[in-house]
Structure formats: C-alpha cells, structure tokens
Amino acid sequence: MTVPTYPVETTAPPAAPAAARAHLLHDGSVEQYRRTIADGVDRVARRVATVDRPVTGITPAELAPLVDRVDLDRPLGDAIAALDELEDVYLRDAVWFHHPRYLAHLNCPVAIPALLGEAVLTAVNSSLDTWDQSAGATLIERRLIDWTAERICFGPSADGVFTSGGSQSNLQALLLAREEACAEAVSPAARAELLPRLRVLTSAAGHFSVQKSAKLLGLAPDAVIAVPTDARRRIRPAAVCEEIARCRQAGLVTMAVVATAGTTDFGSIDPLTDLAGICAAAGIWLHVDAAYGCGLLVSPTRRHLLDGIERADSVTVDFHKSFFQPVSSSALLVRDRRALRHATYHADYLNPARTVEQRIPNQVDKSLQTTRRFDALKLWLTLRVMGPDALGALFDEVVDRAADAWQLVSEDPRFEVVTRSELSTVVFRYLPTGPGRELADAANLHAREALAASGLAVVAGTRVDGRHFLKFTLLNPATTVDEVGYVLDLIATHAGRYVHDYATADLSCHVG
C-alpha cells in the first residue's frame, strides 16, 4: 500500500487568538460554516454514490500506520486539506451500512430527515440536562417520550428519558429495579446484607449488557441467572417460575426478570404476556429489552408480536436500530414515573431542588448522564417528514426479506439453518459433507474472514450450542433475495475451498 504524504508547507503557523476565534460558529462565521459543512456533505455524498462494496477489506495492520503518522500538533490549516487527509484515514475504508450486502450487525441505513436533525443539533449544541441549556429541546424530547409510551400502551403515569444506547438503557432499568428491591432495606446494614442476595433472571439468548450492568451495580458475580430457552430460542416461562422458586428457597431475592423482544442472534421475542403475569404475581420488576424489536411499535402488520409489553415496568428501545436513526438514539421508558427518582440527584450549581417546586423540567433529574446530546431531534424530524407508518413499512420490509432469506437458506443443501426469526436475522452455517464435516467450525470461521477480506460482503458470526455459525442481520430494505443468494454462494465457495485445501494437504502429508 502506498502511504500518502502531506506537504509540510500546508501546515499552518501557530494560531493567534483572533485567528482561532474565526473557527468558532458565530454571526461572523456563518458563510465559512456553510461552505465547510457543504464540503463535508459533498465528500460523503460522493462516497455513498460510488461505493460498490460494503467494506474495502483493509486490516488494522494496514490502516494503523496511516493514522499513526498524522501529527496532531501540526494543523493542516484548512478544512479542504483536512478532508483530503480524512479520505485516506477514514472515508476510503469506512464500513457502509447502506450497501445491500452489509449483512452483519444491527446497523441500519439512516433516514435523511434524521441526518438533517443531526446537522441542526450539533450546530446549536443544546445540552439536555437542564431547561436553561435546552428550552424547546427538552419539550421535544419529553413529547417523544410520551409518544413512545403511547405506542407501548403505557398509561398516563409513564415517563422516560433518551440514553446513549440499549446498554445504558438496560443499566438504568436494572438500577431502578435494584433500588425498588432495596426499598425496605432502610439501614446501611440491611442494604449491605440484601445486595449479595439479589438475582436477575434473563434469557440464555439475552444481551450481554445484563451481565455487565449487574457488575456495574455491585451485584454478586453470580447474580444473573441465564434461563433456558425453547426451540424458538425464547425464554421458557415455566423455567422462570422454577428459578424464582429456587431463589426463594435459597434465601435469594429475584429483583428483576429481563425479557427480550428481539434477541441479537435469533430475533426471538420472549412470551411477554406470560412473563408479565408471573412477575405481577411474584411482585418482581419486569424489564423488556426491545432494543431491536422496538420497530414493531410502528409496524402496520406485526404490532401484536409485542402484546404484553404494556405490562412491563420498564422498556428499552433503540431507535438507531429499527427506526433507521443515526447512532445514537435510544430511550428507557417506565410505566410509573416515580421509579425514575432513583436516578435523581440535585446539585445547587445545576438542578437545585427548588426547581422541582417551580415545575422547571430538568431532564438530568431522570438521566444517568449529565451533559447529553439532543438526539431526540433526529427522530422528531423523521416523524414529522416521513411519519411512523413509513418507518413501520420499512421495518416490515426487512422482516419480510429475512423470511425469504431463511427460506432460501433452509432449502439449500449446502447449509444448516437454525430457528426462523420473528424479526430479521438468519443464523446458519455451511455444512461440509462426508469426512469434511468435522471441519465445519473452521470452515465457517474461514469463510467469514475471507468474505470480509474480499470486501464483497460482511456477515456476522456467533456460537450456537458450542458450534460456530454465521448470521445475516437484515436492516436494509434495499437488500434483495438475489443479493442474499450471491452472498451464500460466496460463503460456500470460501468454505468449500477451505475444506478441499485442508483435505488435500492432509492427503499429501499421509503420502509423504
């Protein structure tokens, strides 16, 4: 690879205060702002219009020297030079989620109205912690929280807050659950005795952020209990009941059950109505991680798959997955707004307690974050331009496409496919025939790496019952069944060649 060089003479001299101020956005720099942003948008637009594959296949070892050689103490002096450099260290090798053969993770192509929102919010730079830093932004976020709560079918007591992503939303939900479970432990000694006994039940197919949250919350190392799933990779309600009873007999306290509405690997939706009944009867907090499946809230045909979610105590939604929003755009919703008091702390220099009496809406009173972006604006403009029905139709389209892809894989004798997803994932693996079957794990690992190195497509990998599998995650309505078939052929070619080469080498060793 040829490493680009940048001429020393383009380096700007040390900036005087007045020159430095010229780079700030203010009434005297608006033309520079327009030109600079337009130049950046033009660069990205040209890339989007011309990329012919989702990745270039570049390796960390190849790209790192280009980034390392940039001298951050020697500015280039103007935005055009910086954009030229950025082409080499970022844009040329960026991963393009809009490409129809990007089939790996829960990354979506983004709605143009949301990109408009991104441009507006970063320029104005509102901070969503207090009213005196955000004004109308606070009200827009609150209106979107109310709208989402209505879609969940929570009642008038619901509330919530935008977060950085599903992991933070899950963390805050479990914080609220922990504090509710400790409500009667009024003394420090009682609380210290109770904390090690708290347990969280979640699906064996659930998200790792549950375990991570438990650790951050100071729970016991074995606090999270992975409950077995059924053949459709959904948590088994009977097993949840058994674990609750077992915990009770062992002197343990089940502080929360975490249901999943769209597991990362299988797109499975836990039986929410059954779990709600179990938790209500036992007085246990029910959290629903709908980071992936929240797109069903606007689906014109599949909203019923979330029946029972309205009985949850808290719900995670990731708009940057199935609402086609740029990262980040997530929220935590609670059925009873009083639970959010567990995240409240009043500081005299920011949100003094008197502001509550004055009915001043400070979002920091319910957030784990202090300074926080106005990410709600992206969803607001998307809804105002496109409307929820259009978003739901897009999500329905990718779910339909995943069903077609599952059918295609299941009918292909070269592959073994796992359970059919309720959302938009397909978990499968190349399965060699004859003696080569023992090479299935290695062949699938090789095929994924070789595919990424070629740049022609990107797929994900996972483990199912101890074996290596591949995974399609479809979140792009532009992906066709023909594209999926093309990628399957590529995978089979790479995996088949690996098995053949291994067998040939093994035979040569025996002959020698």
Protein backbone atom coordinates (compact mmCIF):
# COMPACT_ATOMS: atom_id res chain seq x y z
CA MET A 1 0.00 0.00 0.00
CA THR A 2 1.28 3.50 -0.86
CA VAL A 3 1.25 5.70 2.21
CA PRO A 4 0.15 9.24 1.29
CA THR A 5 2.24 12.20 2.37
CA TYR A 6 1.11 15.72 3.05
CA PRO A 7 3.41 18.64 2.21
CA VAL A 8 4.92 20.47 5.13
CA GLU A 9 4.25 23.84 3.55
CA THR A 10 0.46 23.36 4.01
CA THR A 11 0.96 23.32 7.78
CA ALA A 12 -0.43 26.45 9.37
CA PRO A 13 1.68 28.57 11.75
CA PRO A 14 0.69 28.82 15.39
CA ALA A 15 -2.71 30.47 15.54
CA ALA A 16 -3.23 33.85 17.15
CA PRO A 17 -6.34 34.22 19.35
CA ALA A 18 -8.21 36.18 16.69
CA ALA A 19 -7.43 33.55 14.04
CA ALA A 20 -8.52 30.78 16.36
CA ARG A 21 -11.82 32.52 17.05
CA ALA A 22 -12.52 32.54 13.33
CA HIS A 23 -13.04 28.77 13.51
CA LEU A 24 -15.91 29.11 16.01
CA LEU A 25 -19.52 29.32 14.83
CA HIS A 26 -20.88 32.81 15.38
CA ASP A 27 -22.59 35.58 13.45
CA GLY A 28 -19.40 36.47 11.64
CA SER A 29 -18.53 32.94 10.50
CA VAL A 30 -21.79 31.66 9.08
CA GLU A 31 -20.54 31.69 5.48
CA GLN A 32 -17.48 29.68 6.46
CA TYR A 33 -19.82 27.30 8.34
CA ARG A 34 -21.99 26.86 5.24
CA ARG A 35 -19.02 26.18 2.96
CA THR A 36 -17.27 23.83 5.36
CA ILE A 37 -20.32 21.72 6.09
CA ALA A 38 -21.25 21.65 2.40
CA ASP A 39 -17.74 20.41 1.55
CA GLY A 40 -18.07 17.62 4.12
CA VAL A 41 -21.53 16.63 2.92
CA ASP A 42 -20.26 16.60 -0.66
CA ARG A 43 -17.42 14.23 0.24
CA VAL A 44 -19.75 11.79 1.94
CA ALA A 45 -22.32 12.04 -0.84
CA ARG A 46 -19.69 11.19 -3.46
CA ARG A 47 -18.60 8.17 -1.45
CA VAL A 48 -22.16 6.94 -0.93
CA ALA A 49 -22.85 7.34 -4.64
CA THR A 50 -19.79 5.41 -5.76
CA VAL A 51 -19.00 2.65 -3.25
CA ASP A 52 -19.50 -0.76 -4.84
CA ARG A 53 -19.00 -2.90 -1.74
CA PRO A 54 -19.70 -2.52 1.97
CA VAL A 55 -16.03 -2.66 3.05
CA THR A 56 -12.61 -2.50 1.46
CA GLY A 57 -11.24 -5.42 3.47
CA ILE A 58 -8.40 -3.35 4.91
CA THR A 59 -6.75 -4.79 8.03
CA PRO A 60 -5.84 -2.94 11.24
CA ALA A 61 -2.16 -3.52 10.47
CA GLU A 62 -2.56 -1.79 7.11
CA LEU A 63 -4.60 1.18 8.29
CA ALA A 64 -2.95 1.92 11.63
CA PRO A 65 0.30 3.37 10.15
CA LEU A 66 -1.71 5.92 8.16
CA VAL A 67 -3.45 7.13 11.31
CA ASP A 68 -0.32 6.98 13.47
CA ARG A 69 1.69 9.18 11.10
CA VAL A 70 -0.76 12.09 11.45
CA ASP A 71 0.87 14.80 13.56
CA LEU A 72 -1.97 16.26 15.59
CA ASP A 73 0.28 19.10 16.79
CA ARG A 74 0.72 20.41 13.22
CA PRO A 75 -2.66 21.53 11.82
CA LEU A 76 -3.25 21.49 8.10
CA GLY A 77 -4.72 24.96 8.10
CA ASP A 78 -7.99 24.50 6.24
CA ALA A 79 -10.93 22.14 6.02
CA ILE A 80 -10.26 21.02 2.44
CA ALA A 81 -6.80 19.72 3.38
CA ALA A 82 -8.28 18.01 6.45
CA LEU A 83 -10.96 16.38 4.31
CA ASP A 84 -8.31 15.20 1.85
CA GLU A 85 -6.47 13.56 4.71
CA LEU A 86 -9.73 12.15 6.10
CA GLU A 87 -10.34 10.37 2.80
CA ASP A 88 -7.21 8.30 3.46
CA VAL A 89 -7.59 7.61 7.17
CA TYR A 90 -11.37 7.10 7.32
CA LEU A 91 -13.74 7.60 4.41
CA ARG A 92 -11.95 5.36 1.92
CA ASP A 93 -12.17 2.37 4.29
CA ALA A 94 -15.38 3.17 6.16
CA VAL A 95 -17.97 0.44 6.63
CA TRP A 96 -21.03 1.41 4.60
CA PHE A 97 -24.27 0.20 6.17
CA HIS A 98 -26.37 1.42 3.27
CA HIS A 99 -24.82 -1.19 0.98
CA PRO A 100 -27.21 -4.12 0.39
CA ARG A 101 -24.51 -6.71 1.11
CA TYR A 102 -23.78 -5.38 4.58
CA LEU A 103 -25.48 -8.21 6.48
CA ALA A 104 -23.61 -8.34 9.77
CA HIS A 105 -24.76 -6.42 12.81
CA LEU A 106 -27.73 -4.31 13.90
CA ASN A 107 -26.64 -1.32 11.83
CA CYS A 108 -29.19 0.33 9.60
CA PRO A 109 -29.17 2.75 6.70
CA VAL A 110 -30.27 6.09 8.07
CA ALA A 111 -33.23 8.31 7.24
CA ILE A 112 -32.33 11.60 5.55
CA PRO A 113 -34.59 13.68 7.85
CA ALA A 114 -32.59 12.28 10.78
CA LEU A 115 -29.36 13.46 9.13
CA LEU A 116 -30.92 16.90 8.88
CA GLY A 117 -31.64 16.69 12.59
CA GLU A 118 -28.03 15.67 13.24
CA ALA A 119 -26.75 18.74 11.41
CA VAL A 120 -29.07 21.05 13.34
CA LEU A 121 -28.49 19.58 16.78
CA THR A 122 -24.69 19.58 16.52
CA ALA A 123 -24.58 23.20 15.39
CA VAL A 124 -26.93 24.52 18.07
CA ASN A 125 -25.31 22.13 20.58
CA SER A 126 -28.12 22.07 23.15
CA SER A 127 -27.40 20.07 26.28
CA LEU A 128 -30.39 18.11 27.53
CA ASP A 129 -29.57 18.20 31.22
CA THR A 130 -31.32 21.39 32.29
CA TRP A 131 -34.02 23.65 30.90
CA ASP A 132 -31.74 26.67 30.87
CA GLN A 133 -29.44 24.84 28.45
CA SER A 134 -32.07 23.42 26.12
CA ALA A 135 -35.51 25.08 26.35
CA GLY A 136 -37.58 23.72 23.44
CA ALA A 137 -35.28 20.71 23.07
CA THR A 138 -36.41 19.50 26.49
CA LEU A 139 -40.04 19.70 25.48
CA ILE A 140 -39.43 17.91 22.18
CA GLU A 141 -37.68 15.05 23.96
CA ARG A 142 -40.47 14.83 26.50
CA ARG A 143 -43.10 14.77 23.77
CA LEU A 144 -41.28 11.92 22.03
CA ILE A 145 -41.09 10.00 25.29
CA ASP A 146 -44.84 10.44 25.70
CA TRP A 147 -45.40 9.33 22.09
CA THR A 148 -43.28 6.22 22.57
CA ALA A 149 -45.06 5.40 25.84
CA GLU A 150 -48.37 5.68 24.00
CA ARG A 151 -47.08 3.26 21.35
CA ILE A 152 -46.12 0.83 24.12
CA CYS A 153 -49.61 1.36 25.59
CA PHE A 154 -48.29 2.51 28.94
CA GLY A 155 -50.78 4.61 30.90
CA PRO A 156 -50.66 8.30 31.82
CA SER A 157 -48.17 7.71 34.64
CA ALA A 158 -45.39 6.69 32.22
CA ASP A 159 -42.20 8.60 31.64
CA GLY A 160 -38.68 8.04 30.38
CA VAL A 161 -35.53 9.59 29.03
CA PHE A 162 -33.27 9.31 26.00
CA THR A 163 -29.99 7.45 26.50
CA SER A 164 -26.81 6.66 24.61
CA GLY A 165 -27.95 3.16 23.64
CA GLY A 166 -29.51 -0.10 24.70
CA SER A 167 -26.75 -0.98 27.14
CA GLN A 168 -27.23 2.25 29.07
CA SER A 169 -31.00 1.85 28.95
CA ASN A 170 -30.69 -1.67 30.37
CA LEU A 171 -28.27 -0.45 33.03
CA GLN A 172 -30.66 2.24 34.19
CA ALA A 173 -33.60 -0.17 34.18
CA LEU A 174 -31.73 -2.57 36.43
CA LEU A 175 -30.65 0.31 38.66
CA LEU A 176 -34.32 1.18 39.16
CA ALA A 177 -35.17 -2.48 39.78
CA ARG A 178 -32.36 -2.79 42.33
CA GLU A 179 -33.49 0.29 44.20
CA GLU A 180 -37.10 -0.88 44.23
CA ALA A 181 -35.96 -4.24 45.61
CA CYS A 182 -33.95 -2.44 48.31
CA ALA A 183 -36.75 -0.02 49.21
CA GLU A 184 -37.45 -1.69 52.54
CA ALA A 185 -33.77 -2.06 53.45
CA VAL A 186 -33.65 1.33 55.17
CA SER A 187 -30.43 0.91 57.12
CA PRO A 188 -26.96 0.57 55.57
CA ALA A 189 -26.54 -2.79 57.31
CA ALA A 190 -29.82 -4.13 55.90
CA ARG A 191 -28.88 -2.97 52.41
CA ALA A 192 -25.40 -4.49 52.65
CA GLU A 193 -26.96 -7.79 53.68
CA LEU A 194 -29.51 -7.73 50.85
CA LEU A 195 -27.34 -6.75 47.87
CA PRO A 196 -25.41 -10.04 47.59
CA ARG A 197 -28.71 -11.94 47.60
CA LEU A 198 -30.27 -10.08 44.65
CA ARG A 199 -30.74 -12.05 41.45
CA VAL A 200 -31.71 -11.17 37.87
CA LEU A 201 -33.33 -13.72 35.56
CA THR A 202 -32.80 -13.35 31.84
CA SER A 203 -32.88 -15.45 28.71
CA ALA A 204 -29.88 -17.55 27.81
CA ALA A 205 -30.19 -15.78 24.44
CA GLY A 206 -30.38 -12.31 26.00
CA HIS A 207 -27.94 -9.42 25.63
CA PHE A 208 -24.61 -9.38 27.47
CA SER A 209 -25.36 -5.90 28.83
CA VAL A 210 -27.49 -7.53 31.53
CA GLN A 211 -24.42 -9.25 32.99
CA LYS A 212 -22.35 -6.12 32.54
CA SER A 213 -24.99 -3.99 34.27
CA ALA A 214 -25.14 -6.36 37.22
CA LYS A 215 -21.39 -5.99 37.68
CA LEU A 216 -21.56 -2.19 37.46
CA LEU A 217 -24.39 -2.18 40.01
CA GLY A 218 -22.31 -4.06 42.54
CA LEU A 219 -24.34 -7.26 42.49
CA ALA A 220 -22.86 -10.67 43.20
CA PRO A 221 -20.74 -12.31 40.46
CA ASP A 222 -23.44 -14.95 40.02
CA ALA A 223 -26.34 -12.50 40.26
CA VAL A 224 -27.51 -13.03 36.67
CA ILE A 225 -29.18 -16.37 36.03
CA ALA A 226 -29.46 -17.43 32.40
CA VAL A 227 -32.81 -19.16 31.98
CA PRO A 228 -33.12 -21.90 29.30
CA THR A 229 -34.95 -21.22 26.06
CA ASP A 230 -37.33 -23.27 23.95
CA ALA A 231 -36.81 -24.49 20.38
CA ARG A 232 -37.57 -20.97 19.08
CA ARG A 233 -34.88 -19.52 21.38
CA ARG A 234 -37.46 -17.82 23.63
CA ILE A 235 -37.17 -17.85 27.39
CA ARG A 236 -39.29 -20.61 28.96
CA PRO A 237 -41.87 -19.18 31.41
CA ALA A 238 -42.00 -22.46 33.32
CA ALA A 239 -38.25 -22.26 33.84
CA VAL A 240 -38.62 -18.69 35.09
CA CYS A 241 -41.13 -19.89 37.68
CA GLU A 242 -38.77 -22.66 38.71
CA GLU A 243 -35.88 -20.23 39.16
CA ILE A 244 -37.98 -17.81 41.19
CA ALA A 245 -38.99 -20.66 43.50
CA ARG A 246 -35.41 -21.94 43.71
CA CYS A 247 -34.12 -18.49 44.61
CA ARG A 248 -36.76 -18.08 47.27
CA GLN A 249 -35.88 -21.45 48.82
CA ALA A 250 -32.19 -20.50 48.84
CA GLY A 251 -32.88 -17.20 50.60
CA LEU A 252 -32.23 -15.19 47.43
CA VAL A 253 -34.32 -12.30 46.13
CA THR A 254 -35.29 -12.06 42.45
CA MET A 255 -35.08 -8.34 41.85
CA ALA A 256 -35.92 -8.42 38.11
CA VAL A 257 -36.80 -10.57 35.14
CA VAL A 258 -35.36 -9.28 31.86
CA ALA A 259 -37.39 -10.32 28.83
CA THR A 260 -36.12 -9.73 25.31
CA ALA A 261 -38.19 -8.51 22.39
CA GLY A 262 -35.72 -9.31 19.64
CA THR A 263 -32.61 -11.22 20.70
CA THR A 264 -29.46 -10.15 18.90
CA ASP A 265 -28.76 -13.54 17.32
CA PHE A 266 -32.18 -15.06 16.73
CA GLY A 267 -34.58 -12.11 16.70
CA SER A 268 -36.71 -14.09 19.15
CA ILE A 269 -39.40 -12.42 21.23
CA ASP A 270 -39.95 -13.82 24.69
CA PRO A 271 -43.56 -14.62 25.73
CA LEU A 272 -44.23 -11.21 27.25
CA THR A 273 -47.78 -11.79 28.44
CA ASP A 274 -46.83 -14.94 30.34
CA LEU A 275 -43.81 -13.26 31.91
CA ALA A 276 -45.88 -10.23 32.91
CA GLY A 277 -48.32 -12.47 34.73
CA ILE A 278 -45.52 -14.31 36.54
CA CYS A 279 -43.80 -11.09 37.62
CA ALA A 280 -47.03 -9.42 38.73
CA ALA A 281 -47.94 -12.42 40.88
CA ALA A 282 -44.48 -12.53 42.47
CA GLY A 283 -44.02 -8.77 42.84
CA ILE A 284 -40.93 -8.75 40.61
CA TRP A 285 -39.79 -5.96 38.30
CA LEU A 286 -40.22 -6.86 34.63
CA HIS A 287 -37.90 -5.18 32.16
CA VAL A 288 -38.30 -5.71 28.42
CA ASP A 289 -35.22 -5.18 26.30
CA ALA A 290 -36.83 -4.18 23.00
CA ALA A 291 -33.72 -2.50 21.62
CA TYR A 292 -34.07 -4.50 18.40
CA GLY A 293 -37.79 -5.26 18.29
CA CYS A 294 -39.00 -1.72 19.02
CA GLY A 295 -39.61 -1.25 15.28
CA LEU A 296 -42.71 -3.37 15.80
CA LEU A 297 -44.22 -0.42 17.66
CA VAL A 298 -44.82 1.24 14.29
CA SER A 299 -45.33 -1.90 12.21
CA PRO A 300 -48.67 -1.90 10.36
CA THR A 301 -48.81 -5.71 10.39
CA ARG A 302 -46.79 -7.08 13.33
CA ARG A 303 -47.52 -4.88 16.37
CA HIS A 304 -49.25 -7.87 18.01
CA LEU A 305 -45.86 -9.56 18.46
CA LEU A 306 -45.27 -7.12 21.33
CA ASP A 307 -48.53 -7.91 23.14
CA GLY A 308 -47.86 -7.86 26.87
CA ILE A 309 -45.13 -5.21 26.70
CA GLU A 310 -47.57 -2.71 28.17
CA ARG A 311 -47.41 -4.63 31.47
CA ALA A 312 -43.66 -4.24 31.84
CA ASP A 313 -42.20 -1.94 34.47
CA SER A 314 -39.55 -0.66 32.05
CA VAL A 315 -38.74 -0.96 28.36
CA THR A 316 -35.57 -0.32 26.34
CA VAL A 317 -35.98 0.98 22.79
CA ASP A 318 -33.19 1.64 20.28
CA PHE A 319 -34.38 3.97 17.57
CA HIS A 320 -30.94 3.64 15.95
CA LYS A 321 -31.72 0.04 15.08
CA SER A 322 -35.21 -0.46 13.70
CA PHE A 323 -36.30 3.19 13.37
CA PHE A 324 -33.47 3.91 10.89
CA GLN A 325 -31.87 6.61 13.03
CA PRO A 326 -28.17 7.50 13.21
CA VAL A 327 -26.27 6.42 16.31
CA SER A 328 -27.09 7.24 18.96
CA SER A 329 -30.80 7.34 19.64
CA SER A 330 -32.15 5.16 22.43
CA ALA A 331 -34.55 5.57 25.32
CA LEU A 332 -35.68 3.98 28.55
CA LEU A 333 -39.41 4.06 29.29
CA VAL A 334 -41.01 3.30 32.66
CA ARG A 335 -44.65 2.56 33.36
CA ASP A 336 -44.57 4.53 36.64
CA ARG A 337 -42.59 7.76 36.51
CA ARG A 338 -41.97 7.65 40.25
CA ALA A 339 -39.37 4.94 39.67
CA LEU A 340 -37.11 7.48 37.96
CA ARG A 341 -36.50 9.14 41.33
CA HIS A 342 -33.76 6.57 41.89
CA ALA A 343 -31.67 8.33 39.22
CA THR A 344 -32.21 11.81 40.69
CA TYR A 345 -29.51 13.89 42.35
CA HIS A 346 -29.79 17.62 42.94
CA ALA A 347 -26.77 19.89 42.63
CA ASP A 348 -27.02 23.54 43.64
CA TYR A 349 -24.97 24.62 40.61
CA LEU A 350 -27.12 22.72 38.10
CA ASN A 351 -30.54 21.50 39.16
CA PRO A 352 -31.25 22.65 42.71
CA ALA A 353 -34.17 21.01 44.47
CA ARG A 354 -36.20 24.21 44.35
CA THR A 355 -36.55 23.84 40.56
CA VAL A 356 -38.81 20.84 41.15
CA GLU A 357 -41.19 23.00 43.17
CA GLN A 358 -41.01 25.60 40.41
CA ARG A 359 -42.01 22.91 37.90
CA ILE A 360 -38.92 23.54 35.79
CA PRO A 361 -38.35 20.47 33.59
CA ASN A 362 -34.73 19.36 34.03
CA GLN A 363 -34.09 16.10 32.21
CA VAL A 364 -30.98 15.43 34.30
CA ASP A 365 -33.38 14.64 37.16
CA LYS A 366 -34.16 11.32 35.43
CA SER A 367 -30.95 10.58 33.50
CA LEU A 368 -27.71 8.79 34.29
CA GLN A 369 -25.94 11.32 32.08
CA THR A 370 -25.45 14.99 32.76
CA THR A 371 -24.34 16.65 29.53
CA ARG A 372 -26.38 14.95 26.82
CA ARG A 373 -26.94 15.47 23.09
CA PHE A 374 -30.32 16.44 21.66
CA ASP A 375 -30.59 13.05 19.90
CA ALA A 376 -34.37 13.20 20.09
CA LEU A 377 -34.38 15.82 17.32
CA LYS A 378 -33.42 13.21 14.73
CA LEU A 379 -36.48 11.09 15.49
CA TRP A 380 -38.67 14.19 15.73
CA LEU A 381 -37.78 15.34 12.22
CA THR A 382 -38.08 11.80 10.87
CA LEU A 383 -41.60 11.51 12.22
CA ARG A 384 -42.55 14.99 11.01
CA VAL A 385 -41.25 14.30 7.47
CA MET A 386 -41.94 10.57 7.00
CA GLY A 387 -44.41 9.62 9.71
CA PRO A 388 -44.48 6.43 11.79
CA ASP A 389 -46.32 4.37 9.17
CA ALA A 390 -43.47 4.82 6.69
CA LEU A 391 -40.93 3.70 9.28
CA GLY A 392 -43.07 0.70 10.13
CA ALA A 393 -43.37 -0.21 6.46
CA LEU A 394 -39.57 -0.15 6.12
CA PHE A 395 -39.16 -2.43 9.13
CA ASP A 396 -41.84 -4.78 7.82
CA GLU A 397 -39.94 -4.93 4.55
CA VAL A 398 -36.71 -6.14 6.16
CA VAL A 399 -38.61 -8.68 8.27
CA ASP A 400 -40.27 -10.00 5.11
CA ARG A 401 -36.90 -10.16 3.38
CA ALA A 402 -35.41 -12.11 6.27
CA ALA A 403 -38.23 -14.64 5.98
CA ASP A 404 -37.40 -15.05 2.30
CA ALA A 405 -33.70 -15.41 3.14
CA TRP A 406 -34.45 -18.05 5.77
CA GLN A 407 -36.45 -19.99 3.20
CA LEU A 408 -33.60 -19.73 0.70
CA VAL A 409 -31.02 -20.99 3.19
CA SER A 410 -33.24 -23.74 4.55
CA GLU A 411 -33.75 -25.15 1.06
CA ASP A 412 -30.04 -25.05 0.21
CA PRO A 413 -28.38 -28.44 0.94
CA ARG A 414 -25.03 -26.73 1.49
CA PHE A 415 -26.23 -25.09 4.69
CA GLU A 416 -27.81 -25.84 8.05
CA VAL A 417 -30.17 -23.19 9.39
CA VAL A 418 -31.34 -22.51 12.94
CA THR A 419 -34.84 -21.47 14.03
CA ARG A 420 -36.78 -18.99 11.92
CA SER A 421 -36.59 -15.46 13.33
CA GLU A 422 -39.61 -13.35 14.22
CA LEU A 423 -37.58 -10.34 13.14
CA SER A 424 -34.77 -10.03 10.59
CA THR A 425 -31.90 -12.37 11.41
CA VAL A 426 -30.91 -15.70 9.87
CA VAL A 427 -28.46 -17.94 11.74
CA PHE A 428 -26.92 -20.70 9.64
CA ARG A 429 -23.69 -22.48 8.77
CA TYR A 430 -22.00 -24.16 5.86
CA LEU A 431 -22.09 -27.91 6.46
CA PRO A 432 -19.46 -29.98 4.61
CA THR A 433 -20.39 -33.47 3.55
CA GLY A 434 -18.66 -36.72 4.35
CA PRO A 435 -15.39 -36.70 6.31
CA GLY A 436 -15.14 -32.94 5.93
CA ARG A 437 -18.00 -32.40 8.36
CA GLU A 438 -15.56 -32.29 11.25
CA LEU A 439 -14.13 -29.14 9.65
CA ALA A 440 -17.44 -27.24 9.80
CA ASP A 441 -16.40 -24.85 12.57
CA ALA A 442 -13.08 -23.94 10.97
CA ALA A 443 -14.63 -23.70 7.51
CA ASN A 444 -17.29 -21.23 8.65
CA LEU A 445 -14.77 -19.10 10.53
CA HIS A 446 -12.57 -19.04 7.46
CA ALA A 447 -15.46 -18.19 5.14
CA ARG A 448 -16.47 -15.18 7.24
CA GLU A 449 -12.92 -13.84 7.36
CA ALA A 450 -12.30 -14.45 3.66
CA LEU A 451 -15.58 -12.77 2.75
CA ALA A 452 -14.72 -9.67 4.79
CA ALA A 453 -11.21 -9.57 3.32
CA SER A 454 -12.67 -9.58 -0.18
CA GLY A 455 -14.88 -6.61 0.69
CA LEU A 456 -17.76 -8.08 -1.30
CA ALA A 457 -19.99 -8.65 1.72
CA VAL A 458 -19.99 -8.63 5.51
CA VAL A 459 -21.76 -11.22 7.65
CA ALA A 460 -21.70 -11.80 11.39
CA GLY A 461 -20.66 -14.85 13.36
CA THR A 462 -21.87 -16.42 16.59
CA ARG A 463 -21.90 -19.68 18.52
CA VAL A 464 -24.92 -21.92 18.83
CA ASP A 465 -24.75 -24.87 21.23
CA GLY A 466 -20.98 -24.63 21.17
CA ARG A 467 -20.59 -24.62 17.36
CA HIS A 468 -19.60 -21.78 15.06
CA PHE A 469 -22.40 -20.33 12.93
CA LEU A 470 -22.80 -17.40 10.56
CA LYS A 471 -25.52 -14.79 10.73
CA PHE A 472 -27.34 -12.46 8.41
CA THR A 473 -28.83 -9.39 10.06
CA LEU A 474 -31.08 -7.63 7.58
CA LEU A 475 -31.92 -3.99 8.30
CA ASN A 476 -31.66 -2.63 4.77
CA PRO A 477 -34.80 -2.66 2.62
CA ALA A 478 -32.54 -2.43 -0.45
CA THR A 479 -31.17 -5.93 0.19
CA THR A 480 -32.77 -8.37 -2.25
CA VAL A 481 -33.10 -12.13 -2.17
CA ASP A 482 -30.72 -12.25 -5.13
CA GLU A 483 -28.11 -10.39 -3.06
CA VAL A 484 -28.57 -12.93 -0.27
CA GLY A 485 -28.17 -15.79 -2.75
CA TYR A 486 -25.00 -14.23 -4.12
CA VAL A 487 -23.51 -13.98 -0.62
CA LEU A 488 -24.46 -17.60 0.11
CA ASP A 489 -22.57 -18.67 -3.00
CA LEU A 490 -19.53 -16.69 -1.88
CA ILE A 491 -19.65 -18.30 1.56
CA ALA A 492 -19.99 -21.78 0.10
CA THR A 493 -17.05 -21.13 -2.25
CA HIS A 494 -14.75 -19.94 0.55
CA ALA A 495 -15.79 -22.67 2.98
CA GLY A 496 -15.68 -25.40 0.34
CA ARG A 497 -12.22 -24.34 -0.79
CA TYR A 498 -11.02 -24.43 2.81
CA VAL A 499 -12.29 -27.99 3.27
CA HIS A 500 -10.79 -29.06 -0.06
CA ASP A 501 -7.40 -27.48 0.66
CA TYR A 502 -7.28 -28.99 4.13
CA ALA A 503 -8.13 -32.44 2.81
CA THR A 504 -5.54 -32.11 0.03
CA ALA A 505 -2.85 -31.03 2.47
CA ASP A 506 -3.75 -33.87 4.83
CA LEU A 507 -3.56 -36.37 1.99
CA SER A 508 -0.17 -35.01 0.94
CA CYS A 509 1.13 -35.45 4.48
CA HIS A 510 0.00 -39.07 4.51
CA VAL A 511 1.52 -39.76 1.10
CA GLY A 512 4.80 -38.14 2.10
